[in-house]
């Protein structure tokens, strides 16, 4: 068994330096904890904003879907009334239907594009 080696007592300067180092380590620990708290708050804020954005997008989607469905119903009604009224004039029916459907497709495309752009970072 080796004889125990005693360390010489620390000088006053060494004690002061050691205390300063300990204080720095404690400050780093507090800084790391503060960073962690700030990060968590930022995450919570981002998550809350994302949930609000999703709610808004869903609400807008329901509204726009109702518009598109209304246009579809309008096109179906127009086609039915046109086919009854036009008799043999299928060219007139086709032109009217093309116009109505073109308008409905444009509306649907703009809705889709708005949602795609809303989802881009």
PDB file of N, CA and C in Angstrom:
ATOM      1  N   UNK A   1       0.843  -1.162   0.000  1.00  0.00           N
ATOM      2  CA  UNK A   1       0.000   0.000   0.000  1.00  0.00           C
ATOM      3  C   UNK A   1       0.892   1.229   0.000  1.00  0.00           C
ATOM      4  N   UNK A   2       0.555   2.149  -0.909  1.00  0.00           N
ATOM      5  CA  UNK A   2       1.379   3.343  -1.042  1.00  0.00           C
ATOM      6  C   UNK A   2       1.023   4.325   0.070  1.00  0.00           C
ATOM      7  N   UNK A   3       2.024   5.024   0.541  1.00  0.00           N
ATOM      8  CA  UNK A   3       1.718   6.018   1.572  1.00  0.00           C
ATOM      9  C   UNK A   3       0.867   7.146   0.980  1.00  0.00           C
ATOM     10  N   UNK A   4      -0.080   7.636   1.754  1.00  0.00           N
ATOM     11  CA  UNK A   4      -0.946   8.706   1.264  1.00  0.00           C
ATOM     12  C   UNK A   4      -0.148   9.996   1.142  1.00  0.00           C
ATOM     13  N   UNK A   5      -0.421  10.633   0.016  1.00  0.00           N
ATOM     14  CA  UNK A   5       0.297  11.877  -0.235  1.00  0.00           C
ATOM     15  C   UNK A   5      -0.633  13.006   0.115  1.00  0.00           C
ATOM     16  N   UNK A   6      -0.175  13.851   0.957  1.00  0.00           N
ATOM     17  CA  UNK A   6      -0.999  14.993   1.354  1.00  0.00           C
ATOM     18  C   UNK A   6      -0.726  16.144   0.414  1.00  0.00           C
ATOM     19  N   UNK A   7      -1.775  16.788   0.006  1.00  0.00           N
ATOM     20  CA  UNK A   7      -1.619  17.952  -0.849  1.00  0.00           C
ATOM     21  C   UNK A   7      -1.294  19.141   0.041  1.00  0.00           C
ATOM     22  N   UNK A   8      -0.428  19.950  -0.476  1.00  0.00           N
ATOM     23  CA  UNK A   8      -0.123  21.142   0.340  1.00  0.00           C
ATOM     24  C   UNK A   8      -1.335  22.062   0.364  1.00  0.00           C
ATOM     25  N   UNK A   9      -1.529  22.825   1.384  1.00  0.00           N
ATOM     26  CA  UNK A   9      -2.683  23.730   1.452  1.00  0.00           C
ATOM     27  C   UNK A   9      -2.625  24.744   0.300  1.00  0.00           C
ATOM     28  N   UNK A  10      -3.816  25.105  -0.188  1.00  0.00           N
ATOM     29  CA  UNK A  10      -3.898  26.049  -1.293  1.00  0.00           C
ATOM     30  C   UNK A  10      -3.553  27.452  -0.820  1.00  0.00           C
ATOM     31  N   UNK A  11      -2.858  28.150  -1.686  1.00  0.00           N
ATOM     32  CA  UNK A  11      -2.531  29.539  -1.366  1.00  0.00           C
ATOM     33  C   UNK A  11      -3.805  30.379  -1.494  1.00  0.00           C
ATOM     34  N   UNK A  12      -3.711  31.577  -0.986  1.00  0.00           N
ATOM     35  CA  UNK A  12      -4.857  32.479  -1.046  1.00  0.00           C
ATOM     36  C   UNK A  12      -5.253  32.736  -2.503  1.00  0.00           C
ATOM     37  N   UNK A  13      -4.273  32.959  -3.379  1.00  0.00           N
ATOM     38  CA  UNK A  13      -4.548  33.219  -4.800  1.00  0.00           C
ATOM     39  C   UNK A  13      -5.215  32.001  -5.446  1.00  0.00           C
ATOM     40  N   UNK A  14      -4.760  30.821  -5.090  1.00  0.00           N
ATOM     41  CA  UNK A  14      -5.335  29.601  -5.653  1.00  0.00           C
ATOM     42  C   UNK A  14      -6.779  29.437  -5.201  1.00  0.00           C
ATOM     43  N   UNK A  15      -7.047  29.753  -3.941  1.00  0.00           N
ATOM     44  CA  UNK A  15      -8.413  29.668  -3.440  1.00  0.00           C
ATOM     45  C   UNK A  15      -9.324  30.661  -4.161  1.00  0.00           C
ATOM     46  N   UNK A  16      -8.830  31.873  -4.387  1.00  0.00           N
ATOM     47  CA  UNK A  16      -9.610  32.896  -5.090  1.00  0.00           C
ATOM     48  C   UNK A  16      -9.869  32.440  -6.524  1.00  0.00           C
ATOM     49  N   UNK A  17      -8.835  31.919  -7.196  1.00  0.00           N
ATOM     50  CA  UNK A  17      -8.977  31.442  -8.573  1.00  0.00           C
ATOM     51  C   UNK A  17      -9.964  30.278  -8.630  1.00  0.00           C
ATOM     52  N   UNK A  18      -9.861  29.355  -7.688  1.00  0.00           N
ATOM     53  CA  UNK A  18     -10.771  28.212  -7.642  1.00  0.00           C
ATOM     54  C   UNK A  18     -12.213  28.684  -7.456  1.00  0.00           C
ATOM     55  N   UNK A  19     -12.429  29.651  -6.577  1.00  0.00           N
ATOM     56  CA  UNK A  19     -13.774  30.189  -6.328  1.00  0.00           C
ATOM     57  C   UNK A  19     -14.308  30.868  -7.593  1.00  0.00           C
ATOM     58  N   UNK A  20     -13.452  31.590  -8.300  1.00  0.00           N
ATOM     59  CA  UNK A  20     -13.878  32.257  -9.536  1.00  0.00           C
ATOM     60  C   UNK A  20     -14.267  31.229 -10.601  1.00  0.00           C
ATOM     61  N   UNK A  21     -13.490  30.174 -10.681  1.00  0.00           N
ATOM     62  CA  UNK A  21     -13.803  29.118 -11.649  1.00  0.00           C
ATOM     63  C   UNK A  21     -15.129  28.463 -11.292  1.00  0.00           C
ATOM     64  N   UNK A  22     -15.343  28.173 -10.014  1.00  0.00           N
ATOM     65  CA  UNK A  22     -16.610  27.595  -9.581  1.00  0.00           C
ATOM     66  C   UNK A  22     -17.777  28.535  -9.900  1.00  0.00           C
ATOM     67  N   UNK A  23     -17.574  29.826  -9.691  1.00  0.00           N
ATOM     68  CA  UNK A  23     -18.614  30.807  -9.985  1.00  0.00           C
ATOM     69  C   UNK A  23     -18.913  30.808 -11.488  1.00  0.00           C
ATOM     70  N   UNK A  24     -17.899  30.736 -12.317  1.00  0.00           N
ATOM     71  CA  UNK A  24     -18.090  30.687 -13.770  1.00  0.00           C
ATOM     72  C   UNK A  24     -18.848  29.455 -14.192  1.00  0.00           C
ATOM     73  N   UNK A  25     -18.523  28.306 -13.581  1.00  0.00           N
ATOM     74  CA  UNK A  25     -19.236  27.062 -13.891  1.00  0.00           C
ATOM     75  C   UNK A  25     -20.712  27.189 -13.496  1.00  0.00           C
ATOM     76  N   UNK A  26     -20.971  27.787 -12.358  1.00  0.00           N
ATOM     77  CA  UNK A  26     -22.356  27.988 -11.914  1.00  0.00           C
ATOM     78  C   UNK A  26     -23.107  28.916 -12.864  1.00  0.00           C
ATOM     79  N   UNK A  27     -22.439  29.978 -13.320  1.00  0.00           N
ATOM     80  CA  UNK A  27     -23.073  30.895 -14.263  1.00  0.00           C
ATOM     81  C   UNK A  27     -23.391  30.186 -15.585  1.00  0.00           C
ATOM     82  N   UNK A  28     -22.474  29.337 -16.047  1.00  0.00           N
ATOM     83  CA  UNK A  28     -22.719  28.575 -17.269  1.00  0.00           C
ATOM     84  C   UNK A  28     -23.919  27.642 -17.101  1.00  0.00           C
ATOM     85  N   UNK A  29     -24.021  27.047 -15.911  1.00  0.00           N
ATOM     86  CA  UNK A  29     -25.141  26.159 -15.642  1.00  0.00           C
ATOM     87  C   UNK A  29     -26.449  26.938 -15.682  1.00  0.00           C
ATOM     88  N   UNK A  30     -26.474  28.127 -15.079  1.00  0.00           N
ATOM     89  CA  UNK A  30     -27.672  28.964 -15.103  1.00  0.00           C
ATOM     90  C   UNK A  30     -27.987  29.423 -16.529  1.00  0.00           C
ATOM     91  N   UNK A  31     -26.953  29.772 -17.285  1.00  0.00           N
ATOM     92  CA  UNK A  31     -27.162  30.193 -18.678  1.00  0.00           C
ATOM     93  C   UNK A  31     -27.757  29.060 -19.507  1.00  0.00           C
ATOM     94  N   UNK A  32     -27.251  27.854 -19.311  1.00  0.00           N
ATOM     95  CA  UNK A  32     -27.778  26.699 -20.043  1.00  0.00           C
ATOM     96  C   UNK A  32     -29.242  26.469 -19.673  1.00  0.00           C
ATOM     97  N   UNK A  33     -29.576  26.614 -18.405  1.00  0.00           N
ATOM     98  CA  UNK A  33     -30.964  26.445 -17.962  1.00  0.00           C
ATOM     99  C   UNK A  33     -31.853  27.528 -18.572  1.00  0.00           C
ATOM    100  N   UNK A  34     -31.358  28.758 -18.632  1.00  0.00           N
ATOM    101  CA  UNK A  34     -32.119  29.858 -19.224  1.00  0.00           C
ATOM    102  C   UNK A  34     -32.329  29.622 -20.716  1.00  0.00           C
ATOM    103  N   UNK A  35     -31.318  29.142 -21.396  1.00  0.00           N
ATOM    104  CA  UNK A  35     -31.442  28.816 -22.817  1.00  0.00           C
ATOM    105  C   UNK A  35     -32.501  27.734 -23.001  1.00  0.00           C
ATOM    106  N   UNK A  36     -32.470  26.733 -22.164  1.00  0.00           N
ATOM    107  CA  UNK A  36     -33.444  25.650 -22.242  1.00  0.00           C
ATOM    108  C   UNK A  36     -34.867  26.183 -22.036  1.00  0.00           C
ATOM    109  N   UNK A  37     -35.060  27.048 -21.027  1.00  0.00           N
ATOM    110  CA  UNK A  37     -36.379  27.637 -20.772  1.00  0.00           C
ATOM    111  C   UNK A  37     -36.832  28.491 -21.960  1.00  0.00           C
ATOM    112  N   UNK A  38     -35.932  29.295 -22.481  1.00  0.00           N
ATOM    113  CA  UNK A  38     -36.269  30.158 -23.616  1.00  0.00           C
ATOM    114  C   UNK A  38     -36.623  29.331 -24.845  1.00  0.00           C
ATOM    115  N   UNK A  39     -35.880  28.262 -25.063  1.00  0.00           N
ATOM    116  CA  UNK A  39     -36.158  27.382 -26.196  1.00  0.00           C
ATOM    117  C   UNK A  39     -37.541  26.760 -26.060  1.00  0.00           C
ATOM    118  N   UNK A  40     -37.867  26.294 -24.879  1.00  0.00           N
ATOM    119  CA  UNK A  40     -39.179  25.672 -24.649  1.00  0.00           C
ATOM    120  C   UNK A  40     -40.307  26.686 -24.858  1.00  0.00           C
ATOM    121  N   UNK A  41     -40.116  27.927 -24.386  1.00  0.00           N
ATOM    122  CA  UNK A  41     -41.128  28.967 -24.590  1.00  0.00           C
ATOM    123  C   UNK A  41     -41.294  29.251 -26.080  1.00  0.00           C
ATOM    124  N   UNK A  42     -40.193  29.314 -26.811  1.00  0.00           N
ATOM    125  CA  UNK A  42     -40.258  29.551 -28.255  1.00  0.00           C
ATOM    126  C   UNK A  42     -40.985  28.404 -28.948  1.00  0.00           C
ATOM    127  N   UNK A  43     -40.692  27.178 -28.546  1.00  0.00           N
ATOM    128  CA  UNK A  43     -41.381  26.017 -29.121  1.00  0.00           C
ATOM    129  C   UNK A  43     -42.883  26.093 -28.858  1.00  0.00           C
ATOM    130  N   UNK A  44     -43.252  26.454 -27.638  1.00  0.00           N
ATOM    131  CA  UNK A  44     -44.670  26.547 -27.291  1.00  0.00           C
ATOM    132  C   UNK A  44     -45.361  27.636 -28.101  1.00  0.00           C
ATOM    133  N   UNK A  45     -44.668  28.772 -28.292  1.00  0.00           N
ATOM    134  CA  UNK A  45     -45.228  29.862 -29.080  1.00  0.00           C
ATOM    135  C   UNK A  45     -45.408  29.438 -30.539  1.00  0.00           C
ATOM    136  N   UNK A  46     -44.409  28.760 -31.083  1.00  0.00           N
ATOM    137  CA  UNK A  46     -44.482  28.285 -32.468  1.00  0.00           C
ATOM    138  C   UNK A  46     -45.612  27.273 -32.624  1.00  0.00           C
ATOM    139  N   UNK A  47     -45.738  26.356 -31.659  1.00  0.00           N
ATOM    140  CA  UNK A  47     -46.805  25.353 -31.713  1.00  0.00           C
ATOM    141  C   UNK A  47     -48.181  26.014 -31.638  1.00  0.00           C
ATOM    142  N   UNK A  48     -48.330  27.011 -30.770  1.00  0.00           N
ATOM    143  CA  UNK A  48     -49.615  27.714 -30.646  1.00  0.00           C
ATOM    144  C   UNK A  48     -49.934  28.459 -31.941  1.00  0.00           C
ATOM    145  N   UNK A  49     -48.927  29.113 -32.522  1.00  0.00           N
ATOM    146  CA  UNK A  49     -49.140  29.811 -33.792  1.00  0.00           C
ATOM    147  C   UNK A  49     -49.531  28.832 -34.893  1.00  0.00           C
ATOM    148  N   UNK A  50     -48.885  27.676 -34.908  1.00  0.00           N
ATOM    149  CA  UNK A  50     -49.194  26.661 -35.927  1.00  0.00           C
ATOM    150  C   UNK A  50     -50.623  26.153 -35.765  1.00  0.00           C
ATOM    151  N   UNK A  51     -51.038  25.917 -34.512  1.00  0.00           N
ATOM    152  CA  UNK A  51     -52.415  25.464 -34.284  1.00  0.00           C
ATOM    153  C   UNK A  51     -53.420  26.518 -34.745  1.00  0.00           C
ATOM    154  N   UNK A  52     -53.131  27.787 -34.463  1.00  0.00           N
ATOM    155  CA  UNK A  52     -54.025  28.868 -34.890  1.00  0.00           C
ATOM    156  C   UNK A  52     -54.060  28.953 -36.416  1.00  0.00           C
ATOM    157  N   UNK A  53     -52.924  28.808 -37.037  1.00  0.00           N
ATOM    158  CA  UNK A  53     -52.863  28.858 -38.506  1.00  0.00           C
ATOM    159  C   UNK A  53     -53.645  27.694 -39.122  1.00  0.00           C
ATOM    160  N   UNK A  54     -53.523  26.525 -38.527  1.00  0.00           N
ATOM    161  CA  UNK A  54     -54.262  25.356 -39.018  1.00  0.00           C
ATOM    162  C   UNK A  54     -55.764  25.596 -38.874  1.00  0.00           C
ATOM    163  N   UNK A  55     -56.188  26.151 -37.735  1.00  0.00           N
ATOM    164  CA  UNK A  55     -57.613  26.455 -37.548  1.00  0.00           C
ATOM    165  C   UNK A  55     -58.098  27.426 -38.626  1.00  0.00           C
ATOM    166  N   UNK A  56     -57.306  28.463 -38.875  1.00  0.00           N
ATOM    167  CA  UNK A  56     -57.689  29.444 -39.893  1.00  0.00           C
ATOM    168  C   UNK A  56     -57.748  28.811 -41.278  1.00  0.00           C
ATOM    169  N   UNK A  57     -56.769  27.969 -41.590  1.00  0.00           N
ATOM    170  CA  UNK A  57     -56.760  27.312 -42.897  1.00  0.00           C
ATOM    171  C   UNK A  57     -57.954  26.373 -43.053  1.00  0.00           C
ATOM    172  N   UNK A  58     -58.293  25.648 -41.991  1.00  0.00           N
ATOM    173  CA  UNK A  58     -59.459  24.760 -42.058  1.00  0.00           C
ATOM    174  C   UNK A  58     -60.745  25.560 -42.267  1.00  0.00           C
ATOM    175  N   UNK A  59     -60.856  26.674 -41.557  1.00  0.00           N
ATOM    176  CA  UNK A  59     -62.046  27.516 -41.696  1.00  0.00           C
ATOM    177  C   UNK A  59     -62.139  28.053 -43.127  1.00  0.00           C
ATOM    178  N   UNK A  60     -61.034  28.551 -43.643  1.00  0.00           N
ATOM    179  CA  UNK A  60     -61.026  29.056 -45.012  1.00  0.00           C
ATOM    180  C   UNK A  60     -61.313  27.935 -46.007  1.00  0.00           C
ATOM    181  N   UNK A  61     -60.770  26.754 -45.748  1.00  0.00           N
ATOM    182  CA  UNK A  61     -61.008  25.616 -46.642  1.00  0.00           C
ATOM    183  C   UNK A  61     -62.489  25.260 -46.680  1.00  0.00           C
ATOM    184  N   UNK A  62     -63.131  25.260 -45.521  1.00  0.00           N
ATOM    185  CA  UNK A  62     -64.569  24.964 -45.491  1.00  0.00           C
ATOM    186  C   UNK A  62     -65.349  26.002 -46.289  1.00  0.00           C
ATOM    187  N   UNK A  63     -64.982  27.273 -46.129  1.00  0.00           N
ATOM    188  CA  UNK A  63     -65.655  28.338 -46.864  1.00  0.00           C
ATOM    189  C   UNK A  63     -65.452  28.176 -48.364  1.00  0.00           C
ATOM    190  N   UNK A  64     -64.201  27.948 -48.763  1.00  0.00           N
ATOM    191  CA  UNK A  64     -63.903  27.821 -50.186  1.00  0.00           C
ATOM    192  C   UNK A  64     -64.519  26.551 -50.772  1.00  0.00           C
ATOM    193  N   UNK A  65     -64.541  25.496 -49.987  1.00  0.00           N
ATOM    194  CA  UNK A  65     -65.174  24.263 -50.451  1.00  0.00           C
ATOM    195  C   UNK A  65     -66.664  24.488 -50.690  1.00  0.00           C
ATOM    196  N   UNK A  66     -67.285  25.247 -49.822  1.00  0.00           N
ATOM    197  CA  UNK A  66     -68.705  25.570 -50.004  1.00  0.00           C
ATOM    198  C   UNK A  66     -68.909  26.355 -51.298  1.00  0.00           C
ATOM    199  N   UNK A  67     -67.984  27.275 -51.600  1.00  0.00           N
ATOM    200  CA  UNK A  67     -68.077  28.051 -52.843  1.00  0.00           C
ATOM    201  C   UNK A  67     -67.964  27.124 -54.046  1.00  0.00           C
ATOM    202  N   UNK A  68     -66.981  26.225 -54.015  1.00  0.00           N
ATOM    203  CA  UNK A  68     -66.776  25.297 -55.131  1.00  0.00           C
ATOM    204  C   UNK A  68     -67.985  24.371 -55.286  1.00  0.00           C
ATOM    205  N   UNK A  69     -68.499  23.865 -54.175  1.00  0.00           N
ATOM    206  CA  UNK A  69     -69.680  23.001 -54.248  1.00  0.00           C
ATOM    207  C   UNK A  69     -70.881  23.761 -54.780  1.00  0.00           C
ATOM    208  N   UNK A  70     -71.019  25.017 -54.399  1.00  0.00           N
ATOM    209  CA  UNK A  70     -72.115  25.836 -54.906  1.00  0.00           C
ATOM    210  C   UNK A  70     -71.991  26.013 -56.413  1.00  0.00           C
ATOM    211  N   UNK A  71     -70.777  26.254 -56.879  1.00  0.00           N
ATOM    212  CA  UNK A  71     -70.559  26.400 -58.319  1.00  0.00           C
ATOM    213  C   UNK A  71     -70.856  25.088 -59.052  1.00  0.00           C
ATOM    214  N   UNK A  72     -70.506  23.968 -58.436  1.00  0.00           N
ATOM    215  CA  UNK A  72     -70.799  22.670 -59.041  1.00  0.00           C
ATOM    216  C   UNK A  72     -72.301  22.465 -59.152  1.00  0.00           C
ATOM    217  N   UNK A  73     -73.015  22.795 -58.081  1.00  0.00           N
ATOM    218  CA  UNK A  73     -74.471  22.662 -58.104  1.00  0.00           C
ATOM    219  C   UNK A  73     -75.088  23.595 -59.134  1.00  0.00           C
ATOM    220  N   UNK A  74     -74.558  24.803 -59.218  1.00  0.00           N
ATOM    221  CA  UNK A  74     -75.047  25.761 -60.203  1.00  0.00           C
ATOM    222  C   UNK A  74     -74.827  25.225 -61.617  1.00  0.00           C
ATOM    223  N   UNK A  75     -73.649  24.644 -61.853  1.00  0.00           N
ATOM    224  CA  UNK A  75     -73.350  24.080 -63.171  1.00  0.00           C
ATOM    225  C   UNK A  75     -74.309  22.934 -63.487  1.00  0.00           C
ATOM    226  N   UNK A  76     -74.594  22.082 -62.515  1.00  0.00           N
ATOM    227  CA  UNK A  76     -75.508  20.955 -62.732  1.00  0.00           C
ATOM    228  C   UNK A  76     -76.918  21.451 -63.027  1.00  0.00           C
ATOM    229  N   UNK A  77     -77.362  22.463 -62.272  1.00  0.00           N
ATOM    230  CA  UNK A  77     -78.701  23.023 -62.513  1.00  0.00           C
ATOM    231  C   UNK A  77     -78.772  23.680 -63.888  1.00  0.00           C
ATOM    232  N   UNK A  78     -77.737  24.424 -64.222  1.00  0.00           N
ATOM    233  CA  UNK A  78     -77.720  25.097 -65.533  1.00  0.00           C
ATOM    234  C   UNK A  78     -77.737  24.088 -66.660  1.00  0.00           C
ATOM    235  N   UNK A  79     -76.957  23.031 -66.511  1.00  0.00           N
ATOM    236  CA  UNK A  79     -76.927  22.004 -67.550  1.00  0.00           C
ATOM    237  C   UNK A  79     -78.300  21.363 -67.723  1.00  0.00           C
ATOM    238  N   UNK A  80     -78.945  21.104 -66.595  1.00  0.00           N
ATOM    239  CA  UNK A  80     -80.274  20.482 -66.663  1.00  0.00           C
ATOM    240  C   UNK A  80     -81.272  21.413 -67.346  1.00  0.00           C
ATOM    241  N   UNK A  81     -81.274  22.679 -66.931  1.00  0.00           N
ATOM    242  CA  UNK A  81     -82.234  23.617 -67.525  1.00  0.00           C
ATOM    243  C   UNK A  81     -81.894  23.909 -68.982  1.00  0.00           C
ATOM    244  N   UNK A  82     -80.605  23.971 -69.295  1.00  0.00           N
ATOM    245  CA  UNK A  82     -80.213  24.218 -70.680  1.00  0.00           C
ATOM    246  C   UNK A  82     -80.572  23.046 -71.585  1.00  0.00           C
ATOM    247  N   UNK A  83     -80.349  21.857 -71.091  1.00  0.00           N
ATOM    248  CA  UNK A  83     -80.662  20.693 -71.926  1.00  0.00           C
ATOM    249  C   UNK A  83     -82.159  20.585 -72.178  1.00  0.00           C
ATOM    250  N   UNK A  84     -82.958  20.985 -71.208  1.00  0.00           N
ATOM    251  CA  UNK A  84     -84.406  20.962 -71.387  1.00  0.00           C
ATOM    252  C   UNK A  84     -84.833  22.054 -72.368  1.00  0.00           C
ATOM    253  N   UNK A  85     -84.264  23.243 -72.226  1.00  0.00           N
ATOM    254  CA  UNK A  85     -84.672  24.385 -73.048  1.00  0.00           C
ATOM    255  C   UNK A  85     -84.094  24.339 -74.461  1.00  0.00           C
ATOM    256  N   UNK A  86     -82.912  23.784 -74.602  1.00  0.00           N
ATOM    257  CA  UNK A  86     -82.232  23.864 -75.885  1.00  0.00           C
ATOM    258  C   UNK A  86     -82.724  22.852 -76.901  1.00  0.00           C
ATOM    259  N   UNK A  87     -83.298  21.795 -76.436  1.00  0.00           N
ATOM    260  CA  UNK A  87     -83.765  20.780 -77.368  1.00  0.00           C
ATOM    261  C   UNK A  87     -82.598  20.171 -78.126  1.00  0.00           C
ATOM    262  N   UNK A  88     -82.511  20.448 -79.418  1.00  0.00           N
ATOM    263  CA  UNK A  88     -81.454  19.853 -80.241  1.00  0.00           C
ATOM    264  C   UNK A  88     -80.191  20.707 -80.318  1.00  0.00           C
ATOM    265  N   UNK A  89     -80.166  21.850 -79.686  1.00  0.00           N
ATOM    266  CA  UNK A  89     -79.036  22.761 -79.783  1.00  0.00           C
ATOM    267  C   UNK A  89     -77.947  22.387 -78.775  1.00  0.00           C
ATOM    268  N   UNK A  90     -77.331  21.248 -78.954  1.00  0.00           N
ATOM    269  CA  UNK A  90     -76.309  20.765 -78.022  1.00  0.00           C
ATOM    270  C   UNK A  90     -75.055  21.627 -78.047  1.00  0.00           C
ATOM    271  N   UNK A  91     -74.794  22.306 -79.135  1.00  0.00           N
ATOM    272  CA  UNK A  91     -73.625  23.189 -79.187  1.00  0.00           C
ATOM    273  C   UNK A  91     -73.782  24.328 -78.179  1.00  0.00           C
ATOM    274  N   UNK A  92     -74.990  24.891 -78.100  1.00  0.00           N
ATOM    275  CA  UNK A  92     -75.249  25.955 -77.114  1.00  0.00           C
ATOM    276  C   UNK A  92     -75.085  25.428 -75.693  1.00  0.00           C
ATOM    277  N   UNK A  93     -75.570  24.223 -75.467  1.00  0.00           N
ATOM    278  CA  UNK A  93     -75.455  23.601 -74.140  1.00  0.00           C
ATOM    279  C   UNK A  93     -73.987  23.406 -73.788  1.00  0.00           C
ATOM    280  N   UNK A  94     -73.233  22.887 -74.752  1.00  0.00           N
ATOM    281  CA  UNK A  94     -71.816  22.625 -74.501  1.00  0.00           C
ATOM    282  C   UNK A  94     -71.071  23.920 -74.212  1.00  0.00           C
ATOM    283  N   UNK A  95     -71.325  24.971 -74.954  1.00  0.00           N
ATOM    284  CA  UNK A  95     -70.657  26.256 -74.730  1.00  0.00           C
ATOM    285  C   UNK A  95     -71.003  26.827 -73.356  1.00  0.00           C
ATOM    286  N   UNK A  96     -72.281  26.759 -72.995  1.00  0.00           N
ATOM    287  CA  UNK A  96     -72.691  27.255 -71.671  1.00  0.00           C
ATOM    288  C   UNK A  96     -72.056  26.436 -70.555  1.00  0.00           C
ATOM    289  N   UNK A  97     -72.082  25.126 -70.719  1.00  0.00           N
ATOM    290  CA  UNK A  97     -71.493  24.252 -69.699  1.00  0.00           C
ATOM    291  C   UNK A  97     -69.994  24.477 -69.603  1.00  0.00           C
ATOM    292  N   UNK A  98     -69.332  24.630 -70.747  1.00  0.00           N
ATOM    293  CA  UNK A  98     -67.886  24.891 -70.727  1.00  0.00           C
ATOM    294  C   UNK A  98     -67.564  26.176 -69.976  1.00  0.00           C
ATOM    295  N   UNK A  99     -68.380  27.189 -70.195  1.00  0.00           N
ATOM    296  CA  UNK A  99     -68.173  28.469 -69.511  1.00  0.00           C
ATOM    297  C   UNK A  99     -68.344  28.327 -68.004  1.00  0.00           C
ATOM    298  N   UNK A 100     -69.420  27.658 -67.605  1.00  0.00           N
ATOM    299  CA  UNK A 100     -69.693  27.465 -66.171  1.00  0.00           C
ATOM    300  C   UNK A 100     -68.602  26.614 -65.533  1.00  0.00           C
ATOM    301  N   UNK A 101     -68.223  25.533 -66.196  1.00  0.00           N
ATOM    302  CA  UNK A 101     -67.196  24.641 -65.645  1.00  0.00           C
ATOM    303  C   UNK A 101     -65.828  25.308 -65.599  1.00  0.00           C
ATOM    304  N   UNK A 102     -65.542  26.121 -66.590  1.00  0.00           N
ATOM    305  CA  UNK A 102     -64.275  26.853 -66.603  1.00  0.00           C
ATOM    306  C   UNK A 102     -64.189  27.785 -65.399  1.00  0.00           C
ATOM    307  N   UNK A 103     -65.280  28.477 -65.124  1.00  0.00           N
ATOM    308  CA  UNK A 103     -65.328  29.367 -63.965  1.00  0.00           C
ATOM    309  C   UNK A 103     -65.153  28.579 -62.666  1.00  0.00           C
ATOM    310  N   UNK A 104     -65.818  27.444 -62.562  1.00  0.00           N
ATOM    311  CA  UNK A 104     -65.717  26.611 -61.352  1.00  0.00           C
ATOM    312  C   UNK A 104     -64.296  26.065 -61.193  1.00  0.00           C
ATOM    313  N   UNK A 105     -63.678  25.630 -62.313  1.00  0.00           N
ATOM    314  CA  UNK A 105     -62.295  25.122 -62.240  1.00  0.00           C
ATOM    315  C   UNK A 105     -61.332  26.226 -61.827  1.00  0.00           C
ATOM    316  N   UNK A 106     -61.533  27.424 -62.347  1.00  0.00           N
ATOM    317  CA  UNK A 106     -60.668  28.557 -61.979  1.00  0.00           C
ATOM    318  C   UNK A 106     -60.778  28.850 -60.488  1.00  0.00           C
ATOM    319  N   UNK A 107     -61.995  28.806 -59.978  1.00  0.00           N
ATOM    320  CA  UNK A 107     -62.192  29.033 -58.539  1.00  0.00           C
ATOM    321  C   UNK A 107     -61.500  27.943 -57.732  1.00  0.00           C
ATOM    322  N   UNK A 108     -61.680  26.700 -58.123  1.00  0.00           N
ATOM    323  CA  UNK A 108     -61.056  25.587 -57.400  1.00  0.00           C
ATOM    324  C   UNK A 108     -59.540  25.681 -57.478  1.00  0.00           C
ATOM    325  N   UNK A 109     -59.010  26.024 -58.641  1.00  0.00           N
ATOM    326  CA  UNK A 109     -57.553  26.142 -58.792  1.00  0.00           C
ATOM    327  C   UNK A 109     -56.993  27.248 -57.916  1.00  0.00           C
ATOM    328  N   UNK A 110     -57.694  28.376 -57.855  1.00  0.00           N
ATOM    329  CA  UNK A 110     -57.193  29.469 -57.016  1.00  0.00           C
ATOM    330  C   UNK A 110     -57.219  29.082 -55.537  1.00  0.00           C
ATOM    331  N   UNK A 111     -58.232  28.325 -55.142  1.00  0.00           N
ATOM    332  CA  UNK A 111     -58.308  27.853 -53.749  1.00  0.00           C
ATOM    333  C   UNK A 111     -57.128  26.932 -53.451  1.00  0.00           C
ATOM    334  N   UNK A 112     -56.890  25.984 -54.331  1.00  0.00           N
ATOM    335  CA  UNK A 112     -55.783  25.041 -54.138  1.00  0.00           C
ATOM    336  C   UNK A 112     -54.463  25.794 -54.079  1.00  0.00           C
ATOM    337  N   UNK A 113     -54.276  26.756 -54.968  1.00  0.00           N
ATOM    338  CA  UNK A 113     -53.019  27.512 -54.985  1.00  0.00           C
ATOM    339  C   UNK A 113     -52.846  28.324 -53.705  1.00  0.00           C
ATOM    340  N   UNK A 114     -53.937  28.921 -53.190  1.00  0.00           N
ATOM    341  CA  UNK A 114     -53.836  29.664 -51.936  1.00  0.00           C
ATOM    342  C   UNK A 114     -53.408  28.773 -50.782  1.00  0.00           C
ATOM    343  N   UNK A 115     -53.959  27.561 -50.748  1.00  0.00           N
ATOM    344  CA  UNK A 115     -53.587  26.654 -49.660  1.00  0.00           C
ATOM    345  C   UNK A 115     -52.159  26.154 -49.828  1.00  0.00           C
ATOM    346  N   UNK A 116     -51.754  25.888 -51.045  1.00  0.00           N
ATOM    347  CA  UNK A 116     -50.355  25.486 -51.264  1.00  0.00           C
ATOM    348  C   UNK A 116     -49.404  26.577 -50.829  1.00  0.00           C
ATOM    349  N   UNK A 117     -49.709  27.814 -51.185  1.00  0.00           N
ATOM    350  CA  UNK A 117     -48.822  28.914 -50.803  1.00  0.00           C
ATOM    351  C   UNK A 117     -48.841  29.116 -49.288  1.00  0.00           C
ATOM    352  N   UNK A 118     -49.966  28.840 -48.653  1.00  0.00           N
ATOM    353  CA  UNK A 118     -50.040  28.986 -47.189  1.00  0.00           C
ATOM    354  C   UNK A 118     -49.197  27.928 -46.497  1.00  0.00           C
ATOM    355  N   UNK A 119     -48.997  26.793 -47.138  1.00  0.00           N
ATOM    356  CA  UNK A 119     -48.239  25.713 -46.513  1.00  0.00           C
ATOM    357  C   UNK A 119     -46.737  25.821 -46.756  1.00  0.00           C
ATOM    358  N   UNK A 120     -46.336  26.706 -47.674  1.00  0.00           N
ATOM    359  CA  UNK A 120     -44.897  26.881 -47.923  1.00  0.00           C
ATOM    360  C   UNK A 120     -44.264  27.605 -46.750  1.00  0.00           C
ATOM    361  N   UNK A 121     -43.061  27.171 -46.368  1.00  0.00           N
ATOM    362  CA  UNK A 121     -42.408  27.829 -45.216  1.00  0.00           C
ATOM    363  C   UNK A 121     -42.011  29.248 -45.492  1.00  0.00           C
TER     364      UNK A 121
END
